[in-house]
C-alpha atoms as a PDB file:
ATOM      1  CA  MET A   1      10.744   5.909  10.056  1.00  0.00           C
ATOM      2  CA  THR A   2      11.182   2.344  10.773  1.00  0.00           C
ATOM      3  CA  LEU A   3       7.988  -0.055  10.098  1.00  0.00           C
ATOM      4  CA  LEU A   4       8.685  -3.630   9.986  1.00  0.00           C
ATOM      5  CA  LEU A   5       7.639  -7.514  10.544  1.00  0.00           C
ATOM      6  CA  ASP A   6      10.056  -9.165  12.914  1.00  0.00           C
ATOM      7  CA  ARG A   7       9.879 -12.812  12.303  1.00  0.00           C
ATOM      8  CA  VAL A   8       6.367 -13.100  12.238  1.00  0.00           C
ATOM      9  CA  THR A   9       4.047 -16.509  11.802  1.00  0.00           C
ATOM     10  CA  PHE A  10       0.212 -15.941  10.748  1.00  0.00           C
ATOM     11  CA  ARG A  11      -2.220 -18.544   9.671  1.00  0.00           C
ATOM     12  CA  TYR A  12      -5.976 -17.537   9.339  1.00  0.00           C
ATOM     13  CA  ARG A  13      -6.868 -21.177  11.410  1.00  0.00           C
ATOM     14  CA  ARG A  14      -4.951 -23.070  13.889  1.00  0.00           C
ATOM     15  CA  TRP A  15      -5.032 -26.160  11.921  1.00  0.00           C
ATOM     16  CA  GLU A  16      -3.993 -24.579   8.450  1.00  0.00           C
ATOM     17  CA  ARG A  17      -0.371 -24.056   7.295  1.00  0.00           C
ATOM     18  CA  PRO A  18       0.847 -20.718   8.127  1.00  0.00           C
ATOM     19  CA  VAL A  19       0.655 -18.026   5.195  1.00  0.00           C
ATOM     20  CA  LEU A  20       3.815 -16.473   6.657  1.00  0.00           C
ATOM     21  CA  SER A  21       6.213 -18.393   8.606  1.00  0.00           C
ATOM     22  CA  ASP A  22       9.071 -16.823  10.559  1.00  0.00           C
ATOM     23  CA  PHE A  23       8.862 -13.976   8.106  1.00  0.00           C
ATOM     24  CA  SER A  24      10.661 -10.462   8.273  1.00  0.00           C
ATOM     25  CA  TYR A  25      10.138  -7.531   6.433  1.00  0.00           C
ATOM     26  CA  GLU A  26      11.304  -3.814   6.506  1.00  0.00           C
ATOM     27  CA  VAL A  27       9.283  -1.163   4.751  1.00  0.00           C
ATOM     28  CA  PRO A  28      11.933   1.552   3.277  1.00  0.00           C
ATOM     29  CA  ASP A  29      11.568   4.622   4.867  1.00  0.00           C
ATOM     30  CA  GLU A  30      11.412   7.084   1.528  1.00  0.00           C
ATOM     31  CA  GLY A  31       9.644   6.717  -1.864  1.00  0.00           C
ATOM     32  CA  LEU A  32       7.496   4.382  -3.588  1.00  0.00           C
ATOM     33  CA  THR A  33       7.847   0.478  -2.915  1.00  0.00           C
ATOM     34  CA  ILE A  34       6.207  -1.975  -5.121  1.00  0.00           C
ATOM     35  CA  LEU A  35       5.065  -5.283  -3.424  1.00  0.00           C
ATOM     36  CA  LEU A  36       5.110  -7.511  -6.283  1.00  0.00           C
ATOM     37  CA  GLY A  37       3.800 -11.173  -6.618  1.00  0.00           C
ATOM     38  CA  PRO A  38       1.088 -13.505  -7.849  1.00  0.00           C
ATOM     39  CA  ASN A  39      -1.874 -14.163  -6.161  1.00  0.00           C
ATOM     40  CA  GLY A  40      -1.625 -16.101  -2.988  1.00  0.00           C
ATOM     41  CA  ALA A  41       1.786 -14.591  -2.389  1.00  0.00           C
ATOM     42  CA  GLY A  42       0.796 -13.255   1.191  1.00  0.00           C
ATOM     43  CA  LYS A  43       1.049  -9.924   0.029  1.00  0.00           C
ATOM     44  CA  SER A  44      -2.296  -8.690   1.455  1.00  0.00           C
ATOM     45  CA  THR A  45      -1.710 -10.824   4.443  1.00  0.00           C
ATOM     46  CA  THR A  46       1.905  -8.847   4.907  1.00  0.00           C
ATOM     47  CA  MET A  47      -0.152  -5.554   4.167  1.00  0.00           C
ATOM     48  CA  SER A  48      -2.738  -6.309   6.880  1.00  0.00           C
ATOM     49  CA  LEU A  49      -0.136  -7.275   9.543  1.00  0.00           C
ATOM     50  CA  LEU A  50       1.632  -3.952   8.804  1.00  0.00           C
ATOM     51  CA  ALA A  51      -1.616  -2.055   9.068  1.00  0.00           C
ATOM     52  CA  GLY A  52      -2.424  -3.533  12.236  1.00  0.00           C
ATOM     53  CA  THR A  53      -5.839  -4.891  11.154  1.00  0.00           C
ATOM     54  CA  ALA A  54      -4.477  -8.546  11.636  1.00  0.00           C
ATOM     55  CA  ALA A  55      -2.145  -9.454  14.203  1.00  0.00           C
ATOM     56  CA  PRO A  56       0.836 -12.331  14.239  1.00  0.00           C
ATOM     57  CA  ARG A  57       0.742 -15.412  15.984  1.00  0.00           C
ATOM     58  CA  ALA A  58       4.260 -15.239  16.750  1.00  0.00           C
ATOM     59  CA  GLY A  59       6.883 -12.459  16.011  1.00  0.00           C
ATOM     60  CA  ARG A  60       6.245  -8.565  16.418  1.00  0.00           C
ATOM     61  CA  VAL A  61       5.028  -5.582  14.179  1.00  0.00           C
ATOM     62  CA  LEU A  62       7.354  -2.575  14.991  1.00  0.00           C
ATOM     63  CA  LEU A  63       6.794   0.938  14.248  1.00  0.00           C
ATOM     64  CA  LYS A  64      10.253   2.929  15.457  1.00  0.00           C
ATOM     65  CA  GLY A  65      10.915  -0.082  17.657  1.00  0.00           C
ATOM     66  CA  SER A  66       7.602   0.198  19.553  1.00  0.00           C
ATOM     67  CA  ALA A  67       5.867  -3.001  19.301  1.00  0.00           C
ATOM     68  CA  LEU A  68       2.095  -2.469  17.991  1.00  0.00           C
ATOM     69  CA  THR A  69       0.502  -4.381  20.841  1.00  0.00           C
ATOM     70  CA  SER A  70       1.484  -1.672  23.448  1.00  0.00           C
ATOM     71  CA  THR A  71       1.076   1.406  20.997  1.00  0.00           C
ATOM     72  CA  ARG A  72      -2.085   0.263  18.753  1.00  0.00           C
ATOM     73  CA  ARG A  73      -3.989   3.531  18.588  1.00  0.00           C
ATOM     74  CA  GLU A  74      -0.862   5.720  18.077  1.00  0.00           C
ATOM     75  CA  TYR A  75       0.049   3.261  15.390  1.00  0.00           C
ATOM     76  CA  ARG A  76      -2.724   3.262  13.322  1.00  0.00           C
ATOM     77  CA  ARG A  77      -2.720   7.219  13.604  1.00  0.00           C
ATOM     78  CA  HIS A  78       0.918   7.064  11.939  1.00  0.00           C
ATOM     79  CA  VAL A  79       0.346   4.247   9.592  1.00  0.00           C
ATOM     80  CA  ALA A  80      -2.439   4.831   6.538  1.00  0.00           C
ATOM     81  CA  TRP A  81      -4.198   1.640   5.361  1.00  0.00           C
ATOM     82  CA  LEU A  82      -5.789   1.512   1.808  1.00  0.00           C
ATOM     83  CA  PRO A  83      -7.422  -2.083   1.330  1.00  0.00           C
ATOM     84  CA  GLN A  84      -8.487  -3.486  -1.793  1.00  0.00           C
ATOM     85  CA  ARG A  85     -12.052  -1.964  -1.709  1.00  0.00           C
ATOM     86  CA  VAL A  86     -12.423   1.611   0.138  1.00  0.00           C
ATOM     87  CA  PRO A  87     -14.856   1.402   3.143  1.00  0.00           C
ATOM     88  CA  THR A  88     -16.844   4.503   2.325  1.00  0.00           C
ATOM     89  CA  SER A  89     -20.339   5.657   3.792  1.00  0.00           C
ATOM     90  CA  ARG A  90     -22.461   6.080   0.842  1.00  0.00           C
ATOM     91  CA  GLN A  91     -24.706   9.132   2.322  1.00  0.00           C
ATOM     92  CA  LEU A  92     -21.452  11.116   2.978  1.00  0.00           C
ATOM     93  CA  THR A  93     -20.047  13.329   0.378  1.00  0.00           C
ATOM     94  CA  ALA A  94     -16.335  13.108  -0.398  1.00  0.00           C
ATOM     95  CA  ARG A  95     -15.121  15.902   2.104  1.00  0.00           C
ATOM     96  CA  GLU A  96     -17.428  14.744   5.030  1.00  0.00           C
ATOM     97  CA  TYR A  97     -16.069  11.270   4.466  1.00  0.00           C
ATOM     98  CA  VAL A  98     -12.319  12.507   4.600  1.00  0.00           C
ATOM     99  CA  ALA A  99     -13.168  14.699   7.489  1.00  0.00           C
ATOM    100  CA  TYR A 100     -14.914  12.044   9.424  1.00  0.00           C
ATOM    101  CA  MET A 101     -11.773   9.918   9.105  1.00  0.00           C
ATOM    102  CA  ALA A 102      -9.434  12.580  10.036  1.00  0.00           C
ATOM    103  CA  TRP A 103     -11.572  13.402  13.142  1.00  0.00           C
ATOM    104  CA  LEU A 104     -11.631   9.759  14.066  1.00  0.00           C
ATOM    105  CA  LYS A 105      -7.756   9.740  13.983  1.00  0.00           C
ATOM    106  CA  GLY A 106      -7.614  12.596  16.497  1.00  0.00           C
ATOM    107  CA  GLU A 107      -7.991  16.013  14.322  1.00  0.00           C
ATOM    108  CA  SER A 108     -10.770  18.200  15.802  1.00  0.00           C
ATOM    109  CA  ARG A 109     -13.727  18.761  13.866  1.00  0.00           C
ATOM    110  CA  THR A 110     -12.847  22.290  12.509  1.00  0.00           C
ATOM    111  CA  GLY A 111      -9.550  21.139  11.467  1.00  0.00           C
ATOM    112  CA  ALA A 112     -10.603  17.802  10.280  1.00  0.00           C
ATOM    113  CA  TRP A 113     -13.089  20.144   7.657  1.00  0.00           C
ATOM    114  CA  GLU A 114     -10.468  22.391   6.807  1.00  0.00           C
ATOM    115  CA  ARG A 115      -7.831  19.546   6.179  1.00  0.00           C
ATOM    116  CA  ALA A 116     -10.269  17.519   4.262  1.00  0.00           C
ATOM    117  CA  GLY A 117     -10.786  20.242   1.728  1.00  0.00           C
ATOM    118  CA  ALA A 118      -7.003  20.976   1.315  1.00  0.00           C
ATOM    119  CA  VAL A 119      -6.101  17.181   0.934  1.00  0.00           C
ATOM    120  CA  LEU A 120      -8.811  16.492  -1.776  1.00  0.00           C
ATOM    121  CA  ASP A 121      -7.424  19.419  -3.542  1.00  0.00           C
ATOM    122  CA  GLN A 122      -3.955  17.860  -3.313  1.00  0.00           C
ATOM    123  CA  VAL A 123      -5.430  14.365  -4.977  1.00  0.00           C
ATOM    124  CA  GLY A 124      -7.283  16.266  -7.664  1.00  0.00           C
ATOM    125  CA  LEU A 125     -10.696  15.880  -6.344  1.00  0.00           C
ATOM    126  CA  ALA A 126     -11.595  19.353  -5.419  1.00  0.00           C
ATOM    127  CA  GLU A 127     -14.551  19.859  -7.670  1.00  0.00           C
ATOM    128  CA  GLN A 128     -16.046  16.437  -6.561  1.00  0.00           C
ATOM    129  CA  SER A 129     -15.849  16.915  -2.889  1.00  0.00           C
ATOM    130  CA  GLY A 130     -19.383  17.908  -2.754  1.00  0.00           C
ATOM    131  CA  ARG A 131     -20.215  14.707  -4.489  1.00  0.00           C
ATOM    132  CA  LYS A 132     -21.772  11.433  -2.342  1.00  0.00           C
ATOM    133  CA  THR A 133     -18.973   8.847  -2.257  1.00  0.00           C
ATOM    134  CA  ALA A 134     -21.721   6.529  -3.552  1.00  0.00           C
ATOM    135  CA  LYS A 135     -21.487   8.420  -7.310  1.00  0.00           C
ATOM    136  CA  LEU A 136     -17.817   8.443  -7.204  1.00  0.00           C
ATOM    137  CA  SER A 137     -15.914   6.090  -9.732  1.00  0.00           C
ATOM    138  CA  GLY A 138     -13.463   3.463  -8.674  1.00  0.00           C
ATOM    139  CA  GLY A 139     -10.470   5.796  -9.479  1.00  0.00           C
ATOM    140  CA  GLN A 140     -11.724   8.740  -7.669  1.00  0.00           C
ATOM    141  CA  LEU A 141     -12.569   6.483  -4.146  1.00  0.00           C
ATOM    142  CA  ARG A 142      -8.583   5.380  -4.543  1.00  0.00           C
ATOM    143  CA  ARG A 143      -7.876   9.002  -4.529  1.00  0.00           C
ATOM    144  CA  VAL A 144     -10.406   9.728  -1.531  1.00  0.00           C
ATOM    145  CA  GLY A 145      -8.611   7.178   0.182  1.00  0.00           C
ATOM    146  CA  ILE A 146      -5.230   8.539  -0.174  1.00  0.00           C
ATOM    147  CA  ALA A 147      -6.719  12.020   0.864  1.00  0.00           C
ATOM    148  CA  CYS A 148      -7.839  10.379   4.226  1.00  0.00           C
ATOM    149  CA  ALA A 149      -4.172   9.369   4.850  1.00  0.00           C
ATOM    150  CA  LEU A 150      -3.139  12.556   4.045  1.00  0.00           C
ATOM    151  CA  ALA A 151      -5.767  14.540   6.335  1.00  0.00           C
ATOM    152  CA  HIS A 152      -4.162  12.936   9.587  1.00  0.00           C
ATOM    153  CA  ASP A 153      -0.457  13.285   8.773  1.00  0.00           C
ATOM    154  CA  ALA A 154       0.095   9.237   8.321  1.00  0.00           C
ATOM    155  CA  ARG A 155       3.745   8.433   8.157  1.00  0.00           C
ATOM    156  CA  VAL A 156       3.602   5.768   6.053  1.00  0.00           C
ATOM    157  CA  ILE A 157       0.761   4.857   3.359  1.00  0.00           C
ATOM    158  CA  LEU A 158      -0.072   1.027   2.648  1.00  0.00           C
ATOM    159  CA  LEU A 159      -2.146   0.571  -0.660  1.00  0.00           C
ATOM    160  CA  ASP A 160      -3.147  -3.057  -1.307  1.00  0.00           C
ATOM    161  CA  GLU A 161      -3.865  -3.584  -4.931  1.00  0.00           C
ATOM    162  CA  PRO A 162      -4.907  -0.182  -5.529  1.00  0.00           C
ATOM    163  CA  THR A 163      -5.336  -0.364  -9.408  1.00  0.00           C
ATOM    164  CA  ALA A 164      -7.504  -3.301  -9.689  1.00  0.00           C
ATOM    165  CA  GLY A 165     -10.426  -2.763 -11.538  1.00  0.00           C
ATOM    166  CA  LEU A 166      -9.076   0.493 -12.908  1.00  0.00           C
ATOM    167  CA  ASP A 167      -9.031   1.532 -16.599  1.00  0.00           C
ATOM    168  CA  PRO A 168      -6.002   2.913 -18.448  1.00  0.00           C
ATOM    169  CA  HIS A 169      -7.144   6.617 -17.703  1.00  0.00           C
ATOM    170  CA  GLN A 170      -7.935   6.126 -14.025  1.00  0.00           C
ATOM    171  CA  ARG A 171      -4.553   3.956 -13.673  1.00  0.00           C
ATOM    172  CA  THR A 172      -2.623   7.274 -14.990  1.00  0.00           C
ATOM    173  CA  VAL A 173      -4.210   9.891 -12.950  1.00  0.00           C
ATOM    174  CA  PHE A 174      -3.990   7.450  -9.763  1.00  0.00           C
ATOM    175  CA  ARG A 175      -0.011   6.753 -10.663  1.00  0.00           C
ATOM    176  CA  ASP A 176       0.058  10.750 -11.034  1.00  0.00           C
ATOM    177  CA  VAL A 177      -1.292  11.337  -7.522  1.00  0.00           C
ATOM    178  CA  LEU A 178       0.914   8.445  -6.194  1.00  0.00           C
ATOM    179  CA  ARG A 179       4.044  10.032  -7.660  1.00  0.00           C
ATOM    180  CA  THR A 180       3.371  13.201  -5.783  1.00  0.00           C
ATOM    181  CA  VAL A 181       2.433  11.585  -2.525  1.00  0.00           C
ATOM    182  CA  ALA A 182       5.541   9.215  -2.398  1.00  0.00           C
ATOM    183  CA  ALA A 183       8.057  12.454  -2.876  1.00  0.00           C
ATOM    184  CA  ARG A 184       6.861  13.251   0.863  1.00  0.00           C
ATOM    185  CA  ILE A 185       5.704  10.123   2.525  1.00  0.00           C
ATOM    186  CA  PRO A 186       6.995   6.425   2.163  1.00  0.00           C
ATOM    187  CA  VAL A 187       4.414   4.459   0.251  1.00  0.00           C
ATOM    188  CA  LEU A 188       4.089   0.746   0.100  1.00  0.00           C
ATOM    189  CA  MET A 189       1.745  -0.707  -2.557  1.00  0.00           C
ATOM    190  CA  SER A 190       0.913  -4.411  -3.258  1.00  0.00           C
ATOM    191  CA  THR A 191       0.366  -5.493  -6.806  1.00  0.00           C
ATOM    192  CA  HIS A 192       0.088  -8.905  -8.875  1.00  0.00           C
ATOM    193  CA  ASP A 193       0.138  -6.687 -12.273  1.00  0.00           C
ATOM    194  CA  ILE A 194       3.533  -5.986 -13.521  1.00  0.00           C
ATOM    195  CA  ALA A 195       2.288  -3.188 -15.161  1.00  0.00           C
ATOM    196  CA  ASP A 196       2.335  -1.113 -12.101  1.00  0.00           C
ATOM    197  CA  LEU A 197       5.959  -1.319 -12.038  1.00  0.00           C
ATOM    198  CA  ALA A 198       6.392   2.118 -12.954  1.00  0.00           C
ATOM    199  CA  ASP A 199       9.612   4.246 -13.543  1.00  0.00           C
ATOM    200  CA  GLU A 200       8.927   6.206 -10.119  1.00  0.00           C
ATOM    201  CA  ALA A 201       8.992   3.321  -8.314  1.00  0.00           C
ATOM    202  CA  ASN A 202      12.014   3.482  -5.703  1.00  0.00           C
ATOM    203  CA  THR A 203      11.825  -0.448  -4.485  1.00  0.00           C
ATOM    204  CA  VAL A 204      10.607  -3.465  -5.923  1.00  0.00           C
ATOM    205  CA  SER A 205      10.068  -6.320  -3.266  1.00  0.00           C
ATOM    206  CA  LEU A 206       9.070  -9.842  -5.103  1.00  0.00           C
ATOM    207  CA  MET A 207       7.038 -12.063  -3.040  1.00  0.00           C
ATOM    208  CA  ASP A 208       5.860 -15.788  -3.322  1.00  0.00           C
ATOM    209  CA  ARG A 209       4.170 -18.290  -1.201  1.00  0.00           C
ATOM    210  CA  GLY A 210       5.357 -16.310   1.985  1.00  0.00           C
ATOM    211  CA  ARG A 211       9.043 -15.586   1.098  1.00  0.00           C
ATOM    212  CA  ILE A 212      10.860 -12.448  -0.783  1.00  0.00           C
ATOM    213  CA  LEU A 213      12.685 -13.466  -3.438  1.00  0.00           C
ATOM    214  CA  HIS A 214      14.029 -10.048  -4.359  1.00  0.00           C
ATOM    215  CA  HIS A 215      14.401  -6.834  -2.606  1.00  0.00           C
ATOM    216  CA  GLY A 216      16.200  -3.891  -3.913  1.00  0.00           C
ATOM    217  CA  GLY A 217      15.829  -0.750  -6.087  1.00  0.00           C
ATOM    218  CA  THR A 218      13.982  -0.988  -9.298  1.00  0.00           C
ATOM    219  CA  GLN A 219      16.803  -1.000 -11.646  1.00  0.00           C
ATOM    220  CA  SER A 220      18.485  -3.878  -9.695  1.00  0.00           C
ATOM    221  CA  PHE A 221      15.113  -5.732 -10.201  1.00  0.00           C
ATOM    222  CA  LEU A 222      15.259  -4.938 -13.837  1.00  0.00           C
ATOM    223  CA  ASP A 223      18.714  -6.366 -14.117  1.00  0.00           C
ATOM    224  CA  HIS A 224      17.290  -9.609 -13.994  1.00  0.00           C
ATOM    225  CA  ALA A 225      15.726  -9.512 -17.327  1.00  0.00           C
ATOM    226  CA  ARG A 226      17.030 -11.549 -20.282  1.00  0.00           C
ATOM    227  CA  PRO A 227      19.479  -9.738 -22.408  1.00  0.00           C
ATOM    228  CA  ASP A 228      17.385 -10.069 -25.402  1.00  0.00           C
ATOM    229  CA  ALA A 229      14.244  -8.655 -23.583  1.00  0.00           C
ATOM    230  CA  ALA A 230      12.745  -5.851 -25.403  1.00  0.00           C
ATOM    231  CA  PRO A 231      12.896  -2.459 -23.383  1.00  0.00           C
ATOM    232  CA  ALA A 232       9.206  -2.298 -22.691  1.00  0.00           C
ATOM    233  CA  ARG A 233       8.977  -6.008 -21.385  1.00  0.00           C
ATOM    234  CA  GLN A 234      11.986  -5.656 -18.855  1.00  0.00           C
ATOM    235  CA  ALA A 235      10.238  -5.758 -16.035  1.00  0.00           C
ATOM    236  CA  GLU A 236       8.153  -8.940 -17.386  1.00  0.00           C
ATOM    237  CA  SER A 237      11.215 -10.828 -18.116  1.00  0.00           C
ATOM    238  CA  ALA A 238      12.870  -9.764 -14.869  1.00  0.00           C
ATOM    239  CA  TYR A 239       9.767 -11.056 -13.079  1.00  0.00           C
ATOM    240  CA  ALA A 240       9.684 -14.472 -15.033  1.00  0.00           C
ATOM    241  CA  VAL A 241      13.550 -14.979 -14.437  1.00  0.00           C
ATOM    242  CA  LEU A 242      13.342 -14.483 -10.421  1.00  0.00           C
ATOM    243  CA  MET A 243      10.171 -16.734 -10.330  1.00  0.00           C
ATOM    244  CA  LYS A 244      11.751 -19.496 -12.404  1.00  0.00           C
ATOM    245  CA  LEU A 245      15.164 -19.239 -10.422  1.00  0.00           C
ATOM    246  CA  LYS A 246      12.856 -19.611  -7.227  1.00  0.00           C
ATOM    247  CA  ASP A 247      11.160 -23.054  -8.849  1.00  0.00           C
ATOM    248  CA  SER A 248      14.386 -24.297  -9.881  1.00  0.00           C
ATOM    249  CA  GLY A 249      15.994 -23.760  -6.630  1.00  0.00           C
END
């Protein structure tokens, strides 16, 4: 499935400098892709445009060659979006919330309820399905967000800084779920934390100031590390080298 930004320009206000200018980016059609970069790089703007929650001032957002503006409802059915803060209803249980989101995406009420139970089990929340979302931890809410995407047959999942605020155990659980999901559905995850670059990532895109500095396989990213970098510090070294090359260029 092709999901891409085609020469888009975006600014939040007409008089401000564009966050993105004549910017193109294509989401890989399989596995887990990490969109890496410092705060202010333009990652969240890129994710919002891909999710259809923001519209470019110029250029196009494309899904399978169809412009977003002509297929917005169908687009949002196929492209699942998990923002930094998962929007939930505090009075609904996890299953009720997932079922409601699936129903909004076009599932029947019965189908949505059945799918909600199945996908909550898939993300390891079967025992929490009857709990109010207000009582779930941050890591559990992230998994509820992924369950919502799985409940309506999304064809690509977009995650914006999903590990922010999670403790080490919650990160481990979340990444285990992500690994399973990415084996079936393309996932694009933005982050500013190099620790999120796990072994299971298939592709790494490094972004800064509205430009892609690197886009390729994880190993091609790690190959930029300094020769004397310790094995556990290769990702950190590669990041530093690429950012330095950008500054010197």
